[in-house]
Amino acid sequence: YWDGETASLSSDMRDPKTTLQEWAQARGRGAAAPVYELIRREGPDHAPRFWVRVNVTNQESETGEGASKREAEQDAARLMLAKVAP
């Protein structure tokens, strides 16, 4: 019954933060797992915007943006993955 429904799902349903952490660990960067740093917050309390920088050993940092810190972290991780693991 579920075969048709699950066939359209992506084979990798992990979020970008998890994928980036696993990528870093698999390449011997586990001692320095991705580090997320809040670099800016703007806007009113009811509609804030966050900017978060992610750093991974031996890689240029990437900055993500979002309506929450978590969303900004996910965006930064996604941008880093697009650069290092295309």
PDB file of N, CA and C in Angstrom:
ATOM      1  N   TYR A   1       0.812  -1.198   0.000  1.00  0.00           N
ATOM      2  CA  TYR A   1       0.000   0.000   0.000  1.00  0.00           C
ATOM      3  C   TYR A   1       0.859   1.267   0.000  1.00  0.00           C
ATOM      4  N   TRP A   2       1.911   1.302   0.801  1.00  0.00           N
ATOM      5  CA  TRP A   2       2.715   2.519   0.952  1.00  0.00           C
ATOM      6  C   TRP A   2       3.776   2.683  -0.120  1.00  0.00           C
ATOM      7  N   ASP A   3       4.007   1.676  -0.955  1.00  0.00           N
ATOM      8  CA  ASP A   3       5.064   1.763  -1.960  1.00  0.00           C
ATOM      9  C   ASP A   3       4.938   3.008  -2.833  1.00  0.00           C
ATOM     10  N   GLY A   4       3.771   3.300  -3.320  1.00  0.00           N
ATOM     11  CA  GLY A   4       3.571   4.478  -4.159  1.00  0.00           C
ATOM     12  C   GLY A   4       3.807   5.774  -3.411  1.00  0.00           C
ATOM     13  N   GLU A   5       3.420   5.807  -2.153  1.00  0.00           N
ATOM     14  CA  GLU A   5       3.590   7.011  -1.345  1.00  0.00           C
ATOM     15  C   GLU A   5       5.045   7.269  -0.981  1.00  0.00           C
ATOM     16  N   THR A   6       5.773   6.233  -0.617  1.00  0.00           N
ATOM     17  CA  THR A   6       7.156   6.406  -0.184  1.00  0.00           C
ATOM     18  C   THR A   6       8.123   6.526  -1.342  1.00  0.00           C
ATOM     19  N   ALA A   7       7.754   6.131  -2.532  1.00  0.00           N
ATOM     20  CA  ALA A   7       8.651   6.211  -3.686  1.00  0.00           C
ATOM     21  C   ALA A   7       9.003   7.654  -4.018  1.00  0.00           C
ATOM     22  N   SER A   8       8.125   8.584  -3.705  1.00  0.00           N
ATOM     23  CA  SER A   8       8.381   9.981  -4.044  1.00  0.00           C
ATOM     24  C   SER A   8       9.206  10.710  -2.986  1.00  0.00           C
ATOM     25  N   LEU A   9       9.444  10.066  -1.862  1.00  0.00           N
ATOM     26  CA  LEU A   9      10.231  10.697  -0.807  1.00  0.00           C
ATOM     27  C   LEU A   9      11.711  10.649  -1.131  1.00  0.00           C
ATOM     28  N   SER A  10      12.434  11.656  -0.695  1.00  0.00           N
ATOM     29  CA  SER A  10      13.877  11.699  -0.878  1.00  0.00           C
ATOM     30  C   SER A  10      14.529  10.572  -0.080  1.00  0.00           C
ATOM     31  N   SER A  11      15.579  10.004  -0.638  1.00  0.00           N
ATOM     32  CA  SER A  11      16.259   8.922   0.067  1.00  0.00           C
ATOM     33  C   SER A  11      17.015   9.439   1.291  1.00  0.00           C
ATOM     34  N   ASP A  12      17.365  10.719   1.294  1.00  0.00           N
ATOM     35  CA  ASP A  12      18.078  11.305   2.426  1.00  0.00           C
ATOM     36  C   ASP A  12      17.185  12.355   3.071  1.00  0.00           C
ATOM     37  N   MET A  13      16.504  11.960   4.136  1.00  0.00           N
ATOM     38  CA  MET A  13      15.564  12.873   4.764  1.00  0.00           C
ATOM     39  C   MET A  13      16.154  13.537   6.009  1.00  0.00           C
ATOM     40  N   ARG A  14      17.451  13.405   6.208  1.00  0.00           N
ATOM     41  CA  ARG A  14      18.079  14.059   7.355  1.00  0.00           C
ATOM     42  C   ARG A  14      18.138  15.562   7.113  1.00  0.00           C
ATOM     43  N   ASP A  15      18.140  16.318   8.185  1.00  0.00           N
ATOM     44  CA  ASP A  15      18.240  17.757   8.040  1.00  0.00           C
ATOM     45  C   ASP A  15      19.686  18.137   7.727  1.00  0.00           C
ATOM     46  N   PRO A  16      19.920  19.332   7.189  1.00  0.00           N
ATOM     47  CA  PRO A  16      21.273  19.730   6.800  1.00  0.00           C
ATOM     48  C   PRO A  16      22.290  19.735   7.944  1.00  0.00           C
ATOM     49  N   LYS A  17      21.858  20.080   9.163  1.00  0.00           N
ATOM     50  CA  LYS A  17      22.800  20.083  10.287  1.00  0.00           C
ATOM     51  C   LYS A  17      23.315  18.674  10.564  1.00  0.00           C
ATOM     52  N   THR A  18      22.427  17.702  10.558  1.00  0.00           N
ATOM     53  CA  THR A  18      22.829  16.313  10.789  1.00  0.00           C
ATOM     54  C   THR A  18      23.742  15.835   9.679  1.00  0.00           C
ATOM     55  N   THR A  19      23.390  16.131   8.452  1.00  0.00           N
ATOM     56  CA  THR A  19      24.196  15.713   7.305  1.00  0.00           C
ATOM     57  C   THR A  19      25.588  16.338   7.364  1.00  0.00           C
ATOM     58  N   LEU A  20      25.669  17.624   7.711  1.00  0.00           N
ATOM     59  CA  LEU A  20      26.975  18.289   7.808  1.00  0.00           C
ATOM     60  C   LEU A  20      27.813  17.682   8.930  1.00  0.00           C
ATOM     61  N   GLN A  21      27.195  17.392  10.056  1.00  0.00           N
ATOM     62  CA  GLN A  21      27.928  16.778  11.168  1.00  0.00           C
ATOM     63  C   GLN A  21      28.486  15.423  10.748  1.00  0.00           C
ATOM     64  N   GLU A  22      27.671  14.619  10.082  1.00  0.00           N
ATOM     65  CA  GLU A  22      28.123  13.304   9.628  1.00  0.00           C
ATOM     66  C   GLU A  22      29.220  13.441   8.574  1.00  0.00           C
ATOM     67  N   TRP A  23      29.093  14.421   7.693  1.00  0.00           N
ATOM     68  CA  TRP A  23      30.120  14.669   6.677  1.00  0.00           C
ATOM     69  C   TRP A  23      31.451  15.005   7.351  1.00  0.00           C
ATOM     70  N   ALA A  24      31.418  15.895   8.334  1.00  0.00           N
ATOM     71  CA  ALA A  24      32.638  16.306   9.033  1.00  0.00           C
ATOM     72  C   ALA A  24      33.263  15.125   9.779  1.00  0.00           C
ATOM     73  N   GLN A  25      32.451  14.334  10.450  1.00  0.00           N
ATOM     74  CA  GLN A  25      32.959  13.182  11.201  1.00  0.00           C
ATOM     75  C   GLN A  25      33.567  12.147  10.267  1.00  0.00           C
ATOM     76  N   ALA A  26      32.961  11.937   9.126  1.00  0.00           N
ATOM     77  CA  ALA A  26      33.460  10.933   8.181  1.00  0.00           C
ATOM     78  C   ALA A  26      34.802  11.333   7.576  1.00  0.00           C
ATOM     79  N   ARG A  27      35.125  12.595   7.614  1.00  0.00           N
ATOM     80  CA  ARG A  27      36.374  13.078   7.037  1.00  0.00           C
ATOM     81  C   ARG A  27      37.409  13.416   8.096  1.00  0.00           C
ATOM     82  N   GLY A  28      37.252  12.861   9.270  1.00  0.00           N
ATOM     83  CA  GLY A  28      38.237  13.050  10.317  1.00  0.00           C
ATOM     84  C   GLY A  28      38.184  14.404  10.982  1.00  0.00           C
ATOM     85  N   ARG A  29      37.098  15.109  10.808  1.00  0.00           N
ATOM     86  CA  ARG A  29      36.969  16.415  11.442  1.00  0.00           C
ATOM     87  C   ARG A  29      36.075  16.336  12.677  1.00  0.00           C
ATOM     88  N   GLY A  30      35.872  15.131  13.176  1.00  0.00           N
ATOM     89  CA  GLY A  30      34.977  14.915  14.302  1.00  0.00           C
ATOM     90  C   GLY A  30      35.374  15.658  15.559  1.00  0.00           C
ATOM     91  N   ALA A  31      36.692  15.847  15.747  1.00  0.00           N
ATOM     92  CA  ALA A  31      37.151  16.552  16.936  1.00  0.00           C
ATOM     93  C   ALA A  31      36.694  18.002  16.901  1.00  0.00           C
ATOM     94  N   ALA A  32      36.495  18.512  15.714  1.00  0.00           N
ATOM     95  CA  ALA A  32      36.032  19.883  15.566  1.00  0.00           C
ATOM     96  C   ALA A  32      34.730  19.851  14.758  1.00  0.00           C
ATOM     97  N   ALA A  33      33.683  19.378  15.393  1.00  0.00           N
ATOM     98  CA  ALA A  33      32.375  19.305  14.749  1.00  0.00           C
ATOM     99  C   ALA A  33      31.938  20.710  14.339  1.00  0.00           C
ATOM    100  N   PRO A  34      30.994  20.822  13.434  1.00  0.00           N
ATOM    101  CA  PRO A  34      30.525  22.146  13.025  1.00  0.00           C
ATOM    102  C   PRO A  34      30.146  22.996  14.235  1.00  0.00           C
ATOM    103  N   VAL A  35      30.562  24.248  14.191  1.00  0.00           N
ATOM    104  CA  VAL A  35      30.275  25.194  15.270  1.00  0.00           C
ATOM    105  C   VAL A  35      29.392  26.298  14.703  1.00  0.00           C
ATOM    106  N   TYR A  36      28.275  26.537  15.355  1.00  0.00           N
ATOM    107  CA  TYR A  36      27.316  27.545  14.906  1.00  0.00           C
ATOM    108  C   TYR A  36      27.406  28.757  15.824  1.00  0.00           C
ATOM    109  N   GLU A  37      27.457  29.938  15.205  1.00  0.00           N
ATOM    110  CA  GLU A  37      27.624  31.174  15.965  1.00  0.00           C
ATOM    111  C   GLU A  37      26.574  32.189  15.493  1.00  0.00           C
ATOM    112  N   LEU A  38      25.778  32.684  16.424  1.00  0.00           N
ATOM    113  CA  LEU A  38      24.815  33.732  16.105  1.00  0.00           C
ATOM    114  C   LEU A  38      25.590  35.017  15.865  1.00  0.00           C
ATOM    115  N   ILE A  39      25.462  35.574  14.672  1.00  0.00           N
ATOM    116  CA  ILE A  39      26.226  36.789  14.381  1.00  0.00           C
ATOM    117  C   ILE A  39      25.358  38.039  14.307  1.00  0.00           C
ATOM    118  N   ARG A  40      24.047  37.852  14.124  1.00  0.00           N
ATOM    119  CA  ARG A  40      23.183  39.034  14.061  1.00  0.00           C
ATOM    120  C   ARG A  40      21.733  38.633  14.282  1.00  0.00           C
ATOM    121  N   ARG A  41      21.002  39.547  14.900  1.00  0.00           N
ATOM    122  CA  ARG A  41      19.549  39.398  15.076  1.00  0.00           C
ATOM    123  C   ARG A  41      18.948  40.765  14.835  1.00  0.00           C
ATOM    124  N   GLU A  42      17.933  40.804  13.986  1.00  0.00           N
ATOM    125  CA  GLU A  42      17.273  42.067  13.687  1.00  0.00           C
ATOM    126  C   GLU A  42      15.768  41.873  13.723  1.00  0.00           C
ATOM    127  N   GLY A  43      15.067  42.984  13.761  1.00  0.00           N
ATOM    128  CA  GLY A  43      13.614  42.946  13.669  1.00  0.00           C
ATOM    129  C   GLY A  43      12.937  42.927  15.013  1.00  0.00           C
ATOM    130  N   PRO A  44      11.625  43.122  14.976  1.00  0.00           N
ATOM    131  CA  PRO A  44      10.850  43.129  16.217  1.00  0.00           C
ATOM    132  C   PRO A  44      10.709  41.718  16.779  1.00  0.00           C
ATOM    133  N   ASP A  45      10.326  41.639  18.034  1.00  0.00           N
ATOM    134  CA  ASP A  45      10.182  40.337  18.694  1.00  0.00           C
ATOM    135  C   ASP A  45       9.197  39.419  17.986  1.00  0.00           C
ATOM    136  N   HIS A  46       8.177  39.978  17.360  1.00  0.00           N
ATOM    137  CA  HIS A  46       7.169  39.134  16.709  1.00  0.00           C
ATOM    138  C   HIS A  46       7.593  38.677  15.309  1.00  0.00           C
ATOM    139  N   ALA A  47       8.676  39.257  14.764  1.00  0.00           N
ATOM    140  CA  ALA A  47       9.132  38.864  13.418  1.00  0.00           C
ATOM    141  C   ALA A  47      10.648  39.043  13.295  1.00  0.00           C
ATOM    142  N   PRO A  48      11.427  38.319  14.109  1.00  0.00           N
ATOM    143  CA  PRO A  48      12.880  38.499  14.065  1.00  0.00           C
ATOM    144  C   PRO A  48      13.513  37.822  12.854  1.00  0.00           C
ATOM    145  N   ARG A  49      14.720  38.235  12.524  1.00  0.00           N
ATOM    146  CA  ARG A  49      15.560  37.585  11.505  1.00  0.00           C
ATOM    147  C   ARG A  49      16.891  37.304  12.188  1.00  0.00           C
ATOM    148  N   PHE A  50      17.412  36.109  11.946  1.00  0.00           N
ATOM    149  CA  PHE A  50      18.664  35.685  12.549  1.00  0.00           C
ATOM    150  C   PHE A  50      19.676  35.359  11.459  1.00  0.00           C
ATOM    151  N   TRP A  51      20.947  35.641  11.732  1.00  0.00           N
ATOM    152  CA  TRP A  51      22.044  35.259  10.862  1.00  0.00           C
ATOM    153  C   TRP A  51      23.013  34.436  11.695  1.00  0.00           C
ATOM    154  N   VAL A  52      23.324  33.250  11.216  1.00  0.00           N
ATOM    155  CA  VAL A  52      24.192  32.321  11.937  1.00  0.00           C
ATOM    156  C   VAL A  52      25.326  31.897  11.015  1.00  0.00           C
ATOM    157  N   ARG A  53      26.531  31.873  11.561  1.00  0.00           N
ATOM    158  CA  ARG A  53      27.709  31.420  10.822  1.00  0.00           C
ATOM    159  C   ARG A  53      28.059  30.017  11.284  1.00  0.00           C
ATOM    160  N   VAL A  54      28.383  29.141  10.326  1.00  0.00           N
ATOM    161  CA  VAL A  54      28.842  27.797  10.665  1.00  0.00           C
ATOM    162  C   VAL A  54      30.312  27.693  10.269  1.00  0.00           C
ATOM    163  N   ASN A  55      31.079  27.108  11.164  1.00  0.00           N
ATOM    164  CA  ASN A  55      32.502  26.879  10.922  1.00  0.00           C
ATOM    165  C   ASN A  55      32.794  25.389  11.024  1.00  0.00           C
ATOM    166  N   VAL A  56      33.558  24.904  10.042  1.00  0.00           N
ATOM    167  CA  VAL A  56      34.037  23.525  10.021  1.00  0.00           C
ATOM    168  C   VAL A  56      35.539  23.599   9.773  1.00  0.00           C
ATOM    169  N   THR A  57      36.297  22.803  10.492  1.00  0.00           N
ATOM    170  CA  THR A  57      37.748  22.801  10.360  1.00  0.00           C
ATOM    171  C   THR A  57      38.172  22.697   8.900  1.00  0.00           C
ATOM    172  N   ASN A  58      39.110  23.543   8.508  1.00  0.00           N
ATOM    173  CA  ASN A  58      39.701  23.567   7.170  1.00  0.00           C
ATOM    174  C   ASN A  58      38.718  23.941   6.064  1.00  0.00           C
ATOM    175  N   GLN A  59      37.646  24.631   6.403  1.00  0.00           N
ATOM    176  CA  GLN A  59      36.681  25.093   5.405  1.00  0.00           C
ATOM    177  C   GLN A  59      36.359  26.562   5.666  1.00  0.00           C
ATOM    178  N   GLU A  60      36.034  27.285   4.598  1.00  0.00           N
ATOM    179  CA  GLU A  60      35.562  28.653   4.779  1.00  0.00           C
ATOM    180  C   GLU A  60      34.200  28.608   5.440  1.00  0.00           C
ATOM    181  N   SER A  61      33.927  29.556   6.305  1.00  0.00           N
ATOM    182  CA  SER A  61      32.637  29.584   6.992  1.00  0.00           C
ATOM    183  C   SER A  61      31.536  29.974   6.008  1.00  0.00           C
ATOM    184  N   GLU A  62      30.313  29.652   6.388  1.00  0.00           N
ATOM    185  CA  GLU A  62      29.124  30.030   5.616  1.00  0.00           C
ATOM    186  C   GLU A  62      28.132  30.672   6.578  1.00  0.00           C
ATOM    187  N   THR A  63      27.341  31.590   6.072  1.00  0.00           N
ATOM    188  CA  THR A  63      26.353  32.279   6.889  1.00  0.00           C
ATOM    189  C   THR A  63      24.957  32.007   6.351  1.00  0.00           C
ATOM    190  N   GLY A  64      24.064  31.617   7.243  1.00  0.00           N
ATOM    191  CA  GLY A  64      22.676  31.361   6.884  1.00  0.00           C
ATOM    192  C   GLY A  64      21.757  32.346   7.560  1.00  0.00           C
ATOM    193  N   GLU A  65      20.560  32.446   7.022  1.00  0.00           N
ATOM    194  CA  GLU A  65      19.576  33.397   7.528  1.00  0.00           C
ATOM    195  C   GLU A  65      18.245  32.687   7.730  1.00  0.00           C
ATOM    196  N   GLY A  66      17.483  33.142   8.747  1.00  0.00           N
ATOM    197  CA  GLY A  66      16.173  32.542   8.952  1.00  0.00           C
ATOM    198  C   GLY A  66      15.342  33.289   9.972  1.00  0.00           C
ATOM    199  N   ALA A  67      14.106  32.861  10.102  1.00  0.00           N
ATOM    200  CA  ALA A  67      13.171  33.481  11.040  1.00  0.00           C
ATOM    201  C   ALA A  67      13.373  32.983  12.470  1.00  0.00           C
ATOM    202  N   SER A  68      14.215  31.969  12.633  1.00  0.00           N
ATOM    203  CA  SER A  68      14.570  31.461  13.957  1.00  0.00           C
ATOM    204  C   SER A  68      16.051  31.084  13.919  1.00  0.00           C
ATOM    205  N   LYS A  69      16.642  30.915  15.087  1.00  0.00           N
ATOM    206  CA  LYS A  69      18.050  30.493  15.114  1.00  0.00           C
ATOM    207  C   LYS A  69      18.202  29.136  14.446  1.00  0.00           C
ATOM    208  N   ARG A  70      17.283  28.242  14.725  1.00  0.00           N
ATOM    209  CA  ARG A  70      17.351  26.893  14.137  1.00  0.00           C
ATOM    210  C   ARG A  70      17.273  26.962  12.615  1.00  0.00           C
ATOM    211  N   GLU A  71      16.367  27.774  12.093  1.00  0.00           N
ATOM    212  CA  GLU A  71      16.226  27.923  10.647  1.00  0.00           C
ATOM    213  C   GLU A  71      17.502  28.511  10.033  1.00  0.00           C
ATOM    214  N   ALA A  72      18.103  29.471  10.697  1.00  0.00           N
ATOM    215  CA  ALA A  72      19.342  30.068  10.208  1.00  0.00           C
ATOM    216  C   ALA A  72      20.494  29.060  10.256  1.00  0.00           C
ATOM    217  N   GLU A  73      20.549  28.237  11.301  1.00  0.00           N
ATOM    218  CA  GLU A  73      21.572  27.188  11.387  1.00  0.00           C
ATOM    219  C   GLU A  73      21.397  26.176  10.257  1.00  0.00           C
ATOM    220  N   GLN A  74      20.158  25.774   9.995  1.00  0.00           N
ATOM    221  CA  GLN A  74      19.884  24.827   8.911  1.00  0.00           C
ATOM    222  C   GLN A  74      20.314  25.417   7.568  1.00  0.00           C
ATOM    223  N   ASP A  75      20.032  26.699   7.366  1.00  0.00           N
ATOM    224  CA  ASP A  75      20.400  27.365   6.122  1.00  0.00           C
ATOM    225  C   ASP A  75      21.919  27.422   5.969  1.00  0.00           C
ATOM    226  N   ALA A  76      22.622  27.755   7.044  1.00  0.00           N
ATOM    227  CA  ALA A  76      24.088  27.806   6.996  1.00  0.00           C
ATOM    228  C   ALA A  76      24.664  26.425   6.691  1.00  0.00           C
ATOM    229  N   ALA A  77      24.121  25.396   7.319  1.00  0.00           N
ATOM    230  CA  ALA A  77      24.591  24.029   7.071  1.00  0.00           C
ATOM    231  C   ALA A  77      24.328  23.627   5.623  1.00  0.00           C
ATOM    232  N   ARG A  78      23.158  23.974   5.108  1.00  0.00           N
ATOM    233  CA  ARG A  78      22.819  23.660   3.718  1.00  0.00           C
ATOM    234  C   ARG A  78      23.789  24.344   2.747  1.00  0.00           C
ATOM    235  N   LEU A  79      24.116  25.599   3.020  1.00  0.00           N
ATOM    236  CA  LEU A  79      25.062  26.335   2.175  1.00  0.00           C
ATOM    237  C   LEU A  79      26.460  25.712   2.240  1.00  0.00           C
ATOM    238  N   MET A  80      26.885  25.295   3.428  1.00  0.00           N
ATOM    239  CA  MET A  80      28.189  24.655   3.588  1.00  0.00           C
ATOM    240  C   MET A  80      28.219  23.331   2.819  1.00  0.00           C
ATOM    241  N   LEU A  81      27.158  22.558   2.943  1.00  0.00           N
ATOM    242  CA  LEU A  81      27.102  21.269   2.234  1.00  0.00           C
ATOM    243  C   LEU A  81      27.142  21.458   0.725  1.00  0.00           C
ATOM    244  N   ALA A  82      26.463  22.485   0.235  1.00  0.00           N
ATOM    245  CA  ALA A  82      26.463  22.739  -1.206  1.00  0.00           C
ATOM    246  C   ALA A  82      27.869  23.047  -1.706  1.00  0.00           C
ATOM    247  N   LYS A  83      28.680  23.631  -0.839  1.00  0.00           N
ATOM    248  CA  LYS A  83      30.054  23.985  -1.222  1.00  0.00           C
ATOM    249  C   LYS A  83      31.004  22.794  -1.112  1.00  0.00           C
ATOM    250  N   VAL A  84      30.877  22.014  -0.051  1.00  0.00           N
ATOM    251  CA  VAL A  84      31.871  20.958   0.207  1.00  0.00           C
ATOM    252  C   VAL A  84      31.476  19.578  -0.290  1.00  0.00           C
ATOM    253  N   ALA A  85      30.187  19.349  -0.466  1.00  0.00           N
ATOM    254  CA  ALA A  85      29.732  18.021  -0.891  1.00  0.00           C
ATOM    255  C   ALA A  85      28.646  18.166  -1.955  1.00  0.00           C
ATOM    256  N   PRO A  86      29.017  18.690  -3.117  1.00  0.00           N
ATOM    257  CA  PRO A  86      28.000  18.961  -4.143  1.00  0.00           C
ATOM    258  C   PRO A  86      27.349  17.758  -4.709  1.00  0.00           C
TER     259      PRO A  86
END
